[in-house]
């Protein structure tokens, strides 16, 4: 088994970060190792919600299915994934950080079949994938923060000026 750990910080509030990241249908927007991502069941995101991802591995895209096994908004989500000889458990923790959020991401990856024999030699490749995902998550969250800031500024600009007059 390979364990990967990454951490990022963002100016977005914890509720916004949790809602975006816990919905793994969004993973394509922040993880460059994910070619496709979609929700494959209906209902609110929570325990049991299922997602289908196309994950880039060794020059090809392999299907994986993830399911939320633990859902504790806005603090923690755990997803279990499997497919194409790979099993993964991703635990994502969210901590308030002033007005923003710290995201702590841990992924345990286990290869099956013949690939399990080379897994000990793939640590560097897995670590690069984790760094790229963390960087993508950071960029996606900061873009969302910038959009939120622009929307807030636009809302302020559309309000009538307060001239200090009493009604």
Protein backbone atom coordinates (compact mmCIF):
# COMPACT_ATOMS: atom_id res chain seq x y z
CA UNK A 1 0.00 0.00 0.00
CA UNK A 2 1.13 3.53 -0.77
CA UNK A 3 0.03 6.39 1.49
CA UNK A 4 0.01 9.91 0.07
CA UNK A 5 -0.51 13.08 2.09
CA UNK A 6 -0.97 16.63 0.85
CA UNK A 7 -2.16 19.87 2.45
CA UNK A 8 -3.37 23.14 1.00
CA UNK A 9 -4.85 26.37 2.32
CA UNK A 10 -7.46 28.58 0.69
CA UNK A 11 -9.27 31.81 1.46
CA UNK A 12 -12.66 30.18 0.78
CA UNK A 13 -14.86 29.43 3.80
CA UNK A 14 -14.96 25.83 5.02
CA UNK A 15 -18.59 25.18 3.95
CA UNK A 16 -17.84 26.18 0.35
CA UNK A 17 -14.64 24.13 0.21
CA UNK A 18 -16.29 21.05 1.71
CA UNK A 19 -19.26 21.20 -0.69
CA UNK A 20 -16.99 21.52 -3.74
CA UNK A 21 -14.39 18.88 -2.84
CA UNK A 22 -16.72 16.29 -1.24
CA UNK A 23 -18.71 16.18 -4.49
CA UNK A 24 -16.25 13.99 -6.42
CA UNK A 25 -18.08 14.83 -9.66
CA UNK A 26 -15.97 18.01 -9.38
CA UNK A 27 -12.65 16.14 -9.18
CA UNK A 28 -11.96 16.63 -12.88
CA UNK A 29 -11.96 20.40 -12.21
CA UNK A 30 -9.11 20.17 -9.70
CA UNK A 31 -7.21 16.90 -10.24
CA UNK A 32 -5.15 16.80 -13.46
CA UNK A 33 -4.92 13.00 -12.96
CA UNK A 34 -8.69 12.74 -13.49
CA UNK A 35 -9.78 12.73 -17.14
CA UNK A 36 -13.52 12.37 -16.42
CA UNK A 37 -15.75 12.52 -13.34
CA UNK A 38 -19.48 12.14 -12.91
CA UNK A 39 -22.09 11.34 -10.29
CA UNK A 40 -23.74 7.98 -11.08
CA UNK A 41 -26.65 8.06 -8.65
CA UNK A 42 -29.26 10.57 -7.58
CA UNK A 43 -29.93 12.44 -4.38
CA UNK A 44 -27.88 14.68 -2.14
CA UNK A 45 -24.13 14.16 -1.76
CA UNK A 46 -23.64 12.05 1.37
CA UNK A 47 -22.91 8.53 2.58
CA UNK A 48 -23.44 6.09 -0.27
CA UNK A 49 -23.15 8.67 -3.08
CA UNK A 50 -21.32 7.12 -6.05
CA UNK A 51 -19.01 8.62 -8.64
CA UNK A 52 -17.37 7.28 -11.79
CA UNK A 53 -13.93 8.63 -12.63
CA UNK A 54 -11.59 8.10 -15.55
CA UNK A 55 -8.15 8.16 -13.93
CA UNK A 56 -4.95 8.69 -15.91
CA UNK A 57 -2.49 5.85 -15.28
CA UNK A 58 0.57 5.05 -17.31
CA UNK A 59 -0.55 6.80 -20.47
CA UNK A 60 -4.09 5.45 -20.43
CA UNK A 61 -7.38 6.29 -18.73
CA UNK A 62 -8.78 3.61 -16.44
CA UNK A 63 -12.26 3.57 -14.91
CA UNK A 64 -12.68 3.77 -11.15
CA UNK A 65 -15.82 3.96 -9.07
CA UNK A 66 -15.82 5.86 -5.77
CA UNK A 67 -18.38 5.77 -2.97
CA UNK A 68 -18.64 8.08 0.03
CA UNK A 69 -18.29 5.97 3.18
CA UNK A 70 -18.03 8.77 5.76
CA UNK A 71 -19.65 12.18 5.42
CA UNK A 72 -19.24 14.71 8.24
CA UNK A 73 -19.90 18.22 6.86
CA UNK A 74 -17.94 20.43 6.91
CA UNK A 75 -15.07 18.56 8.57
CA UNK A 76 -14.41 15.20 6.87
CA UNK A 77 -15.31 12.99 3.93
CA UNK A 78 -13.95 9.52 3.16
CA UNK A 79 -14.32 7.91 -0.25
CA UNK A 80 -13.53 4.33 -1.19
CA UNK A 81 -12.63 3.65 -4.79
CA UNK A 82 -11.88 0.62 -6.93
CA UNK A 83 -11.36 -0.39 -10.52
CA UNK A 84 -8.81 -1.78 -12.97
CA UNK A 85 -6.67 -3.47 -10.34
CA UNK A 86 -6.54 -0.41 -8.08
CA UNK A 87 -8.19 0.18 -4.72
CA UNK A 88 -8.04 3.54 -2.95
CA UNK A 89 -9.33 5.14 0.22
CA UNK A 90 -9.26 8.93 0.19
CA UNK A 91 -9.77 10.79 3.46
CA UNK A 92 -10.18 14.54 3.17
CA UNK A 93 -10.25 16.69 6.29
CA UNK A 94 -11.22 20.36 6.41
CA UNK A 95 -10.14 22.78 9.15
CA UNK A 96 -11.17 26.41 9.57
CA UNK A 97 -8.24 28.76 9.11
CA UNK A 98 -9.29 32.31 9.94
CA UNK A 99 -11.88 33.13 7.28
CA UNK A 100 -10.44 30.39 5.03
CA UNK A 101 -9.83 26.65 5.13
CA UNK A 102 -7.01 24.14 5.43
CA UNK A 103 -7.54 20.91 3.44
CA UNK A 104 -5.65 17.78 4.51
CA UNK A 105 -5.81 15.01 1.92
CA UNK A 106 -4.68 11.43 2.58
CA UNK A 107 -4.93 8.71 -0.06
CA UNK A 108 -4.14 5.04 0.54
CA UNK A 109 -3.58 3.26 -2.77
CA UNK A 110 -3.32 -0.49 -3.20
CA UNK A 111 -2.52 -2.13 -6.52
CA UNK A 112 -3.75 -5.63 -7.27
CA UNK A 113 -2.74 -8.38 -9.64
CA UNK A 114 0.72 -8.22 -11.18
CA UNK A 115 0.93 -4.46 -10.48
CA UNK A 116 1.19 -5.12 -6.75
CA UNK A 117 4.72 -6.42 -7.39
CA UNK A 118 5.90 -3.06 -8.74
CA UNK A 119 3.98 -0.86 -6.30
CA UNK A 120 7.01 -0.45 -3.98
CA UNK A 121 8.86 1.16 -6.90
CA UNK A 122 6.08 3.59 -7.83
CA UNK A 123 6.30 5.84 -4.77
CA UNK A 124 7.82 8.73 -6.71
CA UNK A 125 5.22 8.54 -9.46
CA UNK A 126 2.37 8.43 -6.92
CA UNK A 127 3.91 11.35 -5.00
CA UNK A 128 4.00 13.42 -8.21
CA UNK A 129 0.33 12.64 -8.88
CA UNK A 130 -0.50 13.78 -5.33
CA UNK A 131 1.47 17.04 -5.71
CA UNK A 132 -0.25 17.74 -9.03
CA UNK A 133 -3.68 17.08 -7.50
CA UNK A 134 -2.92 19.37 -4.55
CA UNK A 135 -1.74 22.10 -6.91
CA UNK A 136 -4.85 21.70 -9.05
CA UNK A 137 -7.07 21.82 -5.97
CA UNK A 138 -5.32 25.00 -4.81
CA UNK A 139 -5.81 26.67 -8.21
CA UNK A 140 -9.47 25.61 -8.51
CA UNK A 141 -10.32 26.85 -5.02
CA UNK A 142 -8.53 30.16 -5.53
CA UNK A 143 -10.39 30.64 -8.83
CA UNK A 144 -13.65 30.05 -6.95
CA UNK A 145 -12.54 32.54 -4.29
CA UNK A 146 -11.74 35.14 -6.96
CA UNK A 147 -15.14 34.59 -8.61
CA UNK A 148 -16.83 34.90 -5.24
CA UNK A 149 -14.91 38.12 -4.54
CA UNK A 150 -15.85 39.54 -7.94
CA UNK A 151 -19.52 38.67 -7.37
CA UNK A 152 -19.44 40.30 -3.93
CA UNK A 153 -17.82 43.43 -5.37
CA UNK A 154 -20.43 43.53 -8.16
CA UNK A 155 -23.21 43.21 -5.58
CA UNK A 156 -21.77 46.14 -3.61
CA UNK A 157 -21.49 48.18 -6.81
CA UNK A 158 -25.16 47.64 -7.66
CA UNK A 159 -26.44 48.91 -4.31
CA UNK A 160 -27.56 52.53 -4.05
CA UNK A 161 -25.05 54.76 -2.32
CA UNK A 162 -25.74 55.55 1.31
CA UNK A 163 -25.93 59.36 1.41
CA UNK A 164 -26.41 59.39 5.17
CA UNK A 165 -29.96 60.74 4.94
CA UNK A 166 -32.51 59.43 7.38
CA UNK A 167 -35.88 58.25 6.08
